[in-house]
Amino acid sequence: MSSNVVFFGWNRSIPGREQMSAQHFQAFTEYLAAQQRSGVIQSFEPVFLTPHGGDLGGFILIRGDNAKLDALLATNEWVEHTLRATMHLEGSGVVRAVAGPLIQERMASWTKQIPGK
């Protein structure tokens, strides 16, 4: 089953490393914009959450073709960005996901697994 989204999330900057986070955020969004211009990804959307007492402070939702996303996550440049993020962000992580039209496909597969159905 395919996945059309990469969710890159984080909690907050490690105290004292806020400047590093700001610089890397700029570099990472420039990298993603270049990936979008070259057709590797369809789009990306940074989201900052308001304080809510939880451990997710923000995320970037990256949309694209499953195979192209697989290839992106295997590049040295992607790996370097995610490793760099661990140096200045608490709770950074990458999760594959589905969104948009693939939700119906995933929901249909899920409902087939319901006992007694």
C-alpha atoms as a PDB file:
ATOM      1  CA  MET A   1       0.000   0.000   0.000  1.00  0.00           C
ATOM      2  CA  SER A   2       1.436   3.325  -0.990  1.00  0.00           C
ATOM      3  CA  SER A   3       2.168   6.403   1.093  1.00  0.00           C
ATOM      4  CA  ASN A   4       1.940   9.907  -0.296  1.00  0.00           C
ATOM      5  CA  VAL A   5       3.117  12.000   2.654  1.00  0.00           C
ATOM      6  CA  VAL A   6       6.195  12.449   4.812  1.00  0.00           C
ATOM      7  CA  PHE A   7       5.547  14.018   8.215  1.00  0.00           C
ATOM      8  CA  PHE A   8       8.642  15.648   9.723  1.00  0.00           C
ATOM      9  CA  GLY A   9       7.787  16.764  13.255  1.00  0.00           C
ATOM     10  CA  TRP A  10       9.511  18.186  16.315  1.00  0.00           C
ATOM     11  CA  ASN A  11       8.787  19.362  19.831  1.00  0.00           C
ATOM     12  CA  ARG A  12      10.944  22.469  20.278  1.00  0.00           C
ATOM     13  CA  SER A  13      14.463  23.799  19.926  1.00  0.00           C
ATOM     14  CA  ILE A  14      16.910  22.540  22.491  1.00  0.00           C
ATOM     15  CA  PRO A  15      17.447  25.471  24.886  1.00  0.00           C
ATOM     16  CA  GLY A  16      20.506  27.433  23.788  1.00  0.00           C
ATOM     17  CA  ARG A  17      20.310  26.110  20.226  1.00  0.00           C
ATOM     18  CA  GLU A  18      17.479  28.297  18.961  1.00  0.00           C
ATOM     19  CA  GLN A  19      19.739  30.158  16.520  1.00  0.00           C
ATOM     20  CA  MET A  20      20.899  26.837  15.066  1.00  0.00           C
ATOM     21  CA  SER A  21      17.243  25.818  14.666  1.00  0.00           C
ATOM     22  CA  ALA A  22      16.362  29.051  12.874  1.00  0.00           C
ATOM     23  CA  GLN A  23      19.275  28.677  10.459  1.00  0.00           C
ATOM     24  CA  HIS A  24      18.514  25.045   9.758  1.00  0.00           C
ATOM     25  CA  PHE A  25      14.803  25.745   9.252  1.00  0.00           C
ATOM     26  CA  GLN A  26      15.757  28.256   6.545  1.00  0.00           C
ATOM     27  CA  ALA A  27      18.180  25.805   4.900  1.00  0.00           C
ATOM     28  CA  PHE A  28      15.726  22.891   5.106  1.00  0.00           C
ATOM     29  CA  THR A  29      12.833  24.835   3.586  1.00  0.00           C
ATOM     30  CA  GLU A  30      15.147  26.034   0.784  1.00  0.00           C
ATOM     31  CA  TYR A  31      16.125  22.389   0.192  1.00  0.00           C
ATOM     32  CA  LEU A  32      12.465  21.340   0.049  1.00  0.00           C
ATOM     33  CA  ALA A  33      11.628  24.208  -2.317  1.00  0.00           C
ATOM     34  CA  ALA A  34      14.391  22.996  -4.645  1.00  0.00           C
ATOM     35  CA  GLN A  35      12.979  19.450  -4.445  1.00  0.00           C
ATOM     36  CA  GLN A  36       9.559  20.813  -5.369  1.00  0.00           C
ATOM     37  CA  ARG A  37      10.921  22.831  -8.313  1.00  0.00           C
ATOM     38  CA  SER A  38      12.705  19.737  -9.636  1.00  0.00           C
ATOM     39  CA  GLY A  39       9.579  17.561  -9.323  1.00  0.00           C
ATOM     40  CA  VAL A  40      10.866  15.277  -6.573  1.00  0.00           C
ATOM     41  CA  ILE A  41       8.033  16.369  -4.252  1.00  0.00           C
ATOM     42  CA  GLN A  42       4.648  17.865  -5.072  1.00  0.00           C
ATOM     43  CA  SER A  43       4.485  20.291  -2.157  1.00  0.00           C
ATOM     44  CA  PHE A  44       5.475  20.973   1.426  1.00  0.00           C
ATOM     45  CA  GLU A  45       3.804  22.912   4.203  1.00  0.00           C
ATOM     46  CA  PRO A  46       5.464  23.992   7.455  1.00  0.00           C
ATOM     47  CA  VAL A  47       3.052  24.206  10.404  1.00  0.00           C
ATOM     48  CA  PHE A  48       3.790  25.751  13.818  1.00  0.00           C
ATOM     49  CA  LEU A  49       1.406  24.710  16.591  1.00  0.00           C
ATOM     50  CA  THR A  50       0.323  27.017  19.380  1.00  0.00           C
ATOM     51  CA  PRO A  51       1.459  25.942  22.859  1.00  0.00           C
ATOM     52  CA  HIS A  52      -0.894  23.207  24.049  1.00  0.00           C
ATOM     53  CA  GLY A  53       1.006  21.247  26.686  1.00  0.00           C
ATOM     54  CA  GLY A  54       1.857  18.401  24.318  1.00  0.00           C
ATOM     55  CA  ASP A  55       5.111  17.239  22.810  1.00  0.00           C
ATOM     56  CA  LEU A  56       4.504  18.318  19.201  1.00  0.00           C
ATOM     57  CA  GLY A  57       5.434  21.918  18.494  1.00  0.00           C
ATOM     58  CA  GLY A  58       5.440  21.859  14.716  1.00  0.00           C
ATOM     59  CA  PHE A  59       5.807  19.824  11.593  1.00  0.00           C
ATOM     60  CA  ILE A  60       6.373  19.954   7.882  1.00  0.00           C
ATOM     61  CA  LEU A  61       4.001  17.967   5.700  1.00  0.00           C
ATOM     62  CA  ILE A  62       5.710  16.872   2.491  1.00  0.00           C
ATOM     63  CA  ARG A  63       3.514  15.482  -0.292  1.00  0.00           C
ATOM     64  CA  GLY A  64       4.591  13.457  -3.267  1.00  0.00           C
ATOM     65  CA  ASP A  65       4.607  10.227  -5.199  1.00  0.00           C
ATOM     66  CA  ASN A  66       5.416   7.176  -3.074  1.00  0.00           C
ATOM     67  CA  ALA A  67       8.432   6.072  -5.116  1.00  0.00           C
ATOM     68  CA  LYS A  68       9.842   9.591  -5.295  1.00  0.00           C
ATOM     69  CA  LEU A  69       9.422  10.022  -1.539  1.00  0.00           C
ATOM     70  CA  ASP A  70      11.207   6.708  -0.970  1.00  0.00           C
ATOM     71  CA  ALA A  71      14.081   7.913  -3.154  1.00  0.00           C
ATOM     72  CA  LEU A  72      14.189  11.285  -1.376  1.00  0.00           C
ATOM     73  CA  LEU A  73      14.443   9.684   2.069  1.00  0.00           C
ATOM     74  CA  ALA A  74      17.333   7.526   0.845  1.00  0.00           C
ATOM     75  CA  THR A  75      19.497  10.456  -0.268  1.00  0.00           C
ATOM     76  CA  ASN A  76      22.530  11.585   1.700  1.00  0.00           C
ATOM     77  CA  GLU A  77      21.190  15.143   1.715  1.00  0.00           C
ATOM     78  CA  TRP A  78      17.929  14.078   3.413  1.00  0.00           C
ATOM     79  CA  VAL A  79      19.796  11.962   5.954  1.00  0.00           C
ATOM     80  CA  GLU A  80      22.124  14.880   6.727  1.00  0.00           C
ATOM     81  CA  HIS A  81      19.161  17.215   7.277  1.00  0.00           C
ATOM     82  CA  THR A  82      17.466  14.775   9.647  1.00  0.00           C
ATOM     83  CA  LEU A  83      20.706  14.141  11.547  1.00  0.00           C
ATOM     84  CA  ARG A  84      21.357  17.872  11.752  1.00  0.00           C
ATOM     85  CA  ALA A  85      17.857  18.347  13.183  1.00  0.00           C
ATOM     86  CA  THR A  86      18.662  15.964  16.053  1.00  0.00           C
ATOM     87  CA  MET A  87      21.474  18.313  17.069  1.00  0.00           C
ATOM     88  CA  HIS A  88      19.135  21.228  17.805  1.00  0.00           C
ATOM     89  CA  LEU A  89      15.569  19.910  18.097  1.00  0.00           C
ATOM     90  CA  GLU A  90      13.907  17.898  20.835  1.00  0.00           C
ATOM     91  CA  GLY A  91      11.728  15.079  19.590  1.00  0.00           C
ATOM     92  CA  SER A  92      12.421  15.380  15.880  1.00  0.00           C
ATOM     93  CA  GLY A  93      11.197  12.529  13.749  1.00  0.00           C
ATOM     94  CA  VAL A  94      10.045  11.387  10.340  1.00  0.00           C
ATOM     95  CA  VAL A  95       6.873   9.381   9.726  1.00  0.00           C
ATOM     96  CA  ARG A  96       5.393   8.137   6.447  1.00  0.00           C
ATOM     97  CA  ALA A  97       1.649   8.713   6.126  1.00  0.00           C
ATOM     98  CA  VAL A  98      -1.298   8.849   3.787  1.00  0.00           C
ATOM     99  CA  ALA A  99      -3.493  11.839   3.018  1.00  0.00           C
ATOM    100  CA  GLY A 100      -5.937  13.067   0.427  1.00  0.00           C
ATOM    101  CA  PRO A 101      -7.184  10.444  -2.021  1.00  0.00           C
ATOM    102  CA  LEU A 102      -5.257   7.608  -0.360  1.00  0.00           C
ATOM    103  CA  ILE A 103      -7.340   7.982   2.809  1.00  0.00           C
ATOM    104  CA  GLN A 104     -10.291   6.189   1.165  1.00  0.00           C
ATOM    105  CA  GLU A 105      -8.021   3.334   0.071  1.00  0.00           C
ATOM    106  CA  ARG A 106      -6.524   2.990   3.573  1.00  0.00           C
ATOM    107  CA  MET A 107      -9.943   3.227   5.234  1.00  0.00           C
ATOM    108  CA  ALA A 108     -11.327   0.490   2.956  1.00  0.00           C
ATOM    109  CA  SER A 109      -8.426  -1.781   3.925  1.00  0.00           C
ATOM    110  CA  TRP A 110      -8.933  -0.979   7.589  1.00  0.00           C
ATOM    111  CA  THR A 111     -12.658  -1.662   7.576  1.00  0.00           C
ATOM    112  CA  LYS A 112     -12.047  -5.098   5.959  1.00  0.00           C
ATOM    113  CA  GLN A 113     -10.153  -6.035   9.128  1.00  0.00           C
ATOM    114  CA  ILE A 114     -13.037  -5.291  11.496  1.00  0.00           C
ATOM    115  CA  PRO A 115     -14.205  -8.600  13.041  1.00  0.00           C
ATOM    116  CA  GLY A 116     -17.718  -9.658  12.044  1.00  0.00           C
ATOM    117  CA  LYS A 117     -17.745  -7.474   8.962  1.00  0.00           C
END
